[in-house]
Amino acid sequence: MRWSAFSLFGLLSLFAALPQANATGEDYAVLIISRERLEVPTSCEIGVYIQDQFAGRLLQEQSTSFNLQHGTFSIRLKLEPSQVPGCKPGMLAPPAQEITLKAGDVVKYRIAASAKGMYLRPAALEY
């Protein structure tokens, strides 16, 4: 009776440790992109493209996050067509920005504008 109780507790502790072992093996990072500040002088929607694949859309005062594997990613921001007057996509592809993420990173960028177009500027997490 004693050995069966010990073996049951041992088996249960083994199963309890398995999810923790799997969680430590994950190589993900969190990328947060924010449009919370009014740095971009447009009310148009902004599309976020990761590795030239559409990943999300941001309106004013919004932010979004992505769980990505570690590595270097090409991020492109583009005005999207919408119901707002004057919001038409441009003909030229906007320049891409390279962002490198390490496993376990939580990084935040906010959208800003310059003469060359929109870009991502590092921002504080503020949690």
Protein backbone atom coordinates (compact mmCIF):
# COMPACT_ATOMS: atom_id res chain seq x y z
CA MET A 1 0.00 0.00 0.00
CA ARG A 2 2.84 2.38 0.85
CA TRP A 3 4.65 1.77 -2.44
CA SER A 4 1.54 2.28 -4.52
CA ALA A 5 0.86 5.63 -2.85
CA PHE A 6 4.49 6.72 -3.39
CA SER A 7 4.44 5.58 -7.00
CA LEU A 8 1.14 7.41 -7.59
CA PHE A 9 2.56 10.66 -6.18
CA GLY A 10 5.75 10.18 -8.18
CA LEU A 11 3.80 9.62 -11.38
CA LEU A 12 1.61 12.68 -10.74
CA SER A 13 4.66 14.86 -10.07
CA LEU A 14 6.20 13.63 -13.32
CA PHE A 15 3.11 14.70 -15.29
CA ALA A 16 3.05 18.05 -13.48
CA ALA A 17 6.65 18.73 -14.55
CA LEU A 18 6.07 17.95 -18.25
CA PRO A 19 4.27 21.18 -19.27
CA GLN A 20 7.01 23.25 -17.62
CA ALA A 21 9.69 21.38 -19.54
CA ASN A 22 7.83 21.96 -22.81
CA ALA A 23 7.25 25.65 -22.05
CA THR A 24 10.94 26.33 -21.51
CA GLY A 25 11.76 24.83 -24.92
CA GLU A 26 9.62 27.35 -26.82
CA ASP A 27 11.58 29.98 -28.71
CA TYR A 28 9.03 32.78 -29.00
CA ALA A 29 9.18 36.53 -28.63
CA VAL A 30 6.38 39.10 -28.42
CA LEU A 31 6.35 42.05 -30.80
CA ILE A 32 3.94 44.86 -29.87
CA ILE A 33 3.13 47.51 -32.48
CA SER A 34 1.28 50.58 -31.26
CA ARG A 35 -0.49 53.50 -32.85
CA GLU A 36 -1.51 54.99 -29.52
CA ARG A 37 0.10 58.36 -30.12
CA LEU A 38 -0.95 60.69 -32.89
CA GLU A 39 2.44 60.72 -34.62
CA VAL A 40 1.06 59.67 -38.00
CA PRO A 41 -1.02 62.52 -39.48
CA THR A 42 -3.71 60.36 -41.09
CA SER A 43 -6.96 58.77 -40.05
CA CYS A 44 -6.45 55.93 -42.54
CA GLU A 45 -5.97 52.36 -41.44
CA ILE A 46 -2.37 51.15 -41.38
CA GLY A 47 -1.63 47.60 -42.49
CA VAL A 48 1.19 45.65 -40.85
CA TYR A 49 3.02 43.19 -43.10
CA ILE A 50 5.47 40.68 -41.63
CA GLN A 51 7.72 38.96 -44.17
CA ASP A 52 5.49 40.55 -46.88
CA GLN A 53 2.41 38.74 -45.53
CA PHE A 54 -0.54 40.76 -44.20
CA ALA A 55 -0.54 40.36 -40.41
CA GLY A 56 -2.86 43.04 -39.04
CA ARG A 57 -4.52 46.41 -39.35
CA LEU A 58 -4.32 49.34 -36.95
CA LEU A 59 -6.67 52.27 -36.48
CA GLN A 60 -5.83 55.35 -34.43
CA GLU A 61 -5.29 54.67 -30.72
CA GLN A 62 -4.86 50.90 -31.22
CA SER A 63 -2.07 48.46 -30.64
CA THR A 64 -1.55 44.83 -31.60
CA SER A 65 0.88 42.10 -30.66
CA PHE A 66 2.41 39.13 -32.42
CA ASN A 67 4.00 35.97 -31.02
CA LEU A 68 6.95 35.29 -33.30
CA GLN A 69 9.81 32.85 -33.27
CA HIS A 70 13.27 34.25 -32.71
CA GLY A 71 15.06 35.66 -35.74
CA THR A 72 15.08 38.65 -38.06
CA PHE A 73 11.80 39.84 -39.55
CA SER A 74 10.95 42.26 -42.32
CA ILE A 75 8.17 44.62 -41.18
CA ARG A 76 6.36 46.83 -43.66
CA LEU A 77 3.69 49.45 -42.87
CA LYS A 78 1.24 50.48 -45.56
CA LEU A 79 -1.86 52.68 -45.77
CA GLU A 80 -4.88 50.48 -46.40
CA PRO A 81 -7.98 51.37 -48.41
CA SER A 82 -10.98 52.05 -46.19
CA GLN A 83 -14.25 53.95 -45.94
CA VAL A 84 -12.45 57.13 -44.83
CA PRO A 85 -12.24 59.66 -47.71
CA GLY A 86 -8.75 59.93 -49.21
CA CYS A 87 -7.51 56.58 -47.93
CA LYS A 88 -6.24 54.90 -51.04
CA PRO A 89 -3.20 52.63 -51.19
CA GLY A 90 -0.10 53.98 -52.88
CA MET A 91 1.35 52.44 -56.01
CA LEU A 92 4.86 51.99 -54.64
CA ALA A 93 5.73 49.45 -51.99
CA PRO A 94 6.81 51.23 -48.79
CA PRO A 95 10.29 50.46 -47.46
CA ALA A 96 10.67 47.51 -45.09
CA GLN A 97 12.30 47.64 -41.69
CA GLU A 98 14.30 44.75 -40.23
CA ILE A 99 13.67 43.79 -36.60
CA THR A 100 15.65 41.10 -34.78
CA LEU A 101 13.96 39.24 -31.95
CA LYS A 102 15.50 36.91 -29.38
CA ALA A 103 13.64 34.13 -27.60
CA GLY A 104 11.81 35.51 -24.57
CA ASP A 105 11.93 39.15 -25.74
CA VAL A 106 8.93 41.43 -25.29
CA VAL A 107 9.53 44.51 -27.44
CA LYS A 108 7.28 47.42 -28.25
CA TYR A 109 7.41 49.75 -31.24
CA ARG A 110 5.17 52.64 -32.11
CA ILE A 111 4.35 53.91 -35.58
CA ALA A 112 5.94 57.23 -36.51
CA ALA A 113 6.23 59.18 -39.77
CA SER A 114 9.11 60.87 -41.57
CA ALA A 115 9.69 62.31 -45.03
CA LYS A 116 10.45 58.75 -46.25
CA GLY A 117 7.16 57.35 -44.93
CA MET A 118 6.03 55.43 -41.87
CA TYR A 119 8.45 53.50 -39.71
CA LEU A 120 8.61 51.74 -36.36
CA ARG A 121 10.25 53.57 -33.47
CA PRO A 122 11.24 51.69 -30.28
CA ALA A 123 8.97 52.49 -27.33
CA ALA A 124 8.95 51.74 -23.61
CA LEU A 125 6.71 48.92 -22.43
CA GLU A 126 5.24 51.03 -19.58
CA TYR A 127 3.73 48.14 -17.65
